[in-house]
Structure formats: C-alpha cells, structure tokens
Amino acid sequence: MTLADRLHEIADRLARLVPSHRDPHRFHEDKSELVDALRRLAANDNRKAERAP
C-alpha cells in the first residue's frame, strides 16, 4: 500500500467518524487511532527523507 493509499484510507475513516450516544468512548478511541496512524506515517516519511542522498 502506498503512502497516498494509506492517507486516503485515513481520510475516509475521518469522514465517517461521528460520536455515538451508545458508545461515547469509541469516538475518542477511533480518533486517537487515526492521530497515531498519521503520526507514524509522518515519522516514517521523515526517516526516509533523512536517509535519502
């Protein structure tokens, strides 16, 4: 999966992210997972940039 594919996947999940009265904690858990995924992608991209000649 390319970086662009992964970003599109995260964007799609963000677009569907809504709070639920049945499980209010799930919204925050999902949001945290998406934030973490974006931070990991950014960190991996930074490492690749540092290794590039």
C-alpha atoms as a PDB file:
ATOM      1  CA  MET A   1       0.000   0.000   0.000  1.00  0.00           C
ATOM      2  CA  THR A   2       1.374   3.372  -0.970  1.00  0.00           C
ATOM      3  CA  LEU A   3       1.525   6.409   1.274  1.00  0.00           C
ATOM      4  CA  ALA A   4      -1.232   8.035  -0.782  1.00  0.00           C
ATOM      5  CA  ASP A   5      -3.432   4.935  -0.388  1.00  0.00           C
ATOM      6  CA  ARG A   6      -2.905   4.956   3.366  1.00  0.00           C
ATOM      7  CA  LEU A   7      -3.697   8.682   3.592  1.00  0.00           C
ATOM      8  CA  HIS A   8      -6.889   8.169   1.584  1.00  0.00           C
ATOM      9  CA  GLU A   9      -7.866   5.317   3.899  1.00  0.00           C
ATOM     10  CA  ILE A  10      -7.339   7.514   6.972  1.00  0.00           C
ATOM     11  CA  ALA A  11      -9.244  10.388   5.354  1.00  0.00           C
ATOM     12  CA  ASP A  12     -12.166   8.065   4.607  1.00  0.00           C
ATOM     13  CA  ARG A  13     -12.221   6.888   8.224  1.00  0.00           C
ATOM     14  CA  LEU A  14     -12.104  10.510   9.427  1.00  0.00           C
ATOM     15  CA  ALA A  15     -15.015  11.417   7.171  1.00  0.00           C
ATOM     16  CA  ARG A  16     -17.126   8.679   8.788  1.00  0.00           C
ATOM     17  CA  LEU A  17     -16.045   9.490  12.354  1.00  0.00           C
ATOM     18  CA  VAL A  18     -19.006  10.627  14.455  1.00  0.00           C
ATOM     19  CA  PRO A  19     -19.762  10.439  18.174  1.00  0.00           C
ATOM     20  CA  SER A  20     -22.250   7.800  19.254  1.00  0.00           C
ATOM     21  CA  HIS A  21     -24.567   8.077  22.240  1.00  0.00           C
ATOM     22  CA  ARG A  22     -24.382   4.274  22.626  1.00  0.00           C
ATOM     23  CA  ASP A  23     -20.581   4.206  22.919  1.00  0.00           C
ATOM     24  CA  PRO A  24     -19.203   7.725  23.514  1.00  0.00           C
ATOM     25  CA  HIS A  25     -15.707   6.449  24.330  1.00  0.00           C
ATOM     26  CA  ARG A  26     -15.399   4.725  20.946  1.00  0.00           C
ATOM     27  CA  PHE A  27     -15.257   8.093  19.161  1.00  0.00           C
ATOM     28  CA  HIS A  28     -12.224   9.137  21.190  1.00  0.00           C
ATOM     29  CA  GLU A  29     -10.572   5.744  20.758  1.00  0.00           C
ATOM     30  CA  ASP A  30     -11.054   5.869  16.981  1.00  0.00           C
ATOM     31  CA  LYS A  31      -9.817   9.473  16.874  1.00  0.00           C
ATOM     32  CA  SER A  32      -6.702   8.511  18.851  1.00  0.00           C
ATOM     33  CA  GLU A  33      -6.011   5.603  16.492  1.00  0.00           C
ATOM     34  CA  LEU A  34      -6.249   7.894  13.473  1.00  0.00           C
ATOM     35  CA  VAL A  35      -3.986  10.509  15.059  1.00  0.00           C
ATOM     36  CA  ASP A  36      -1.466   7.785  15.868  1.00  0.00           C
ATOM     37  CA  ALA A  37      -1.609   6.434  12.306  1.00  0.00           C
ATOM     38  CA  LEU A  38      -0.940   9.902  10.887  1.00  0.00           C
ATOM     39  CA  ARG A  39       1.956  10.483  13.280  1.00  0.00           C
ATOM     40  CA  ARG A  40       3.509   7.113  12.379  1.00  0.00           C
ATOM     41  CA  LEU A  41       3.221   7.912   8.673  1.00  0.00           C
ATOM     42  CA  ALA A  42       4.862  11.301   9.237  1.00  0.00           C
ATOM     43  CA  ALA A  43       7.662   9.743  11.291  1.00  0.00           C
ATOM     44  CA  ASN A  44       8.303   7.092   8.648  1.00  0.00           C
ATOM     45  CA  ASP A  45       8.347   9.741   5.925  1.00  0.00           C
ATOM     46  CA  ASN A  46      10.836  11.840   7.929  1.00  0.00           C
ATOM     47  CA  ARG A  47      13.119   8.844   8.366  1.00  0.00           C
ATOM     48  CA  LYS A  48      13.023   8.167   4.626  1.00  0.00           C
ATOM     49  CA  ALA A  49      13.855  11.811   3.881  1.00  0.00           C
ATOM     50  CA  GLU A  50      16.829  11.716   6.253  1.00  0.00           C
ATOM     51  CA  ARG A  51      18.233   8.606   4.530  1.00  0.00           C
ATOM     52  CA  ALA A  52      17.820   9.984   1.021  1.00  0.00           C
ATOM     53  CA  PRO A  53      21.051  11.195  -0.607  1.00  0.00           C
END
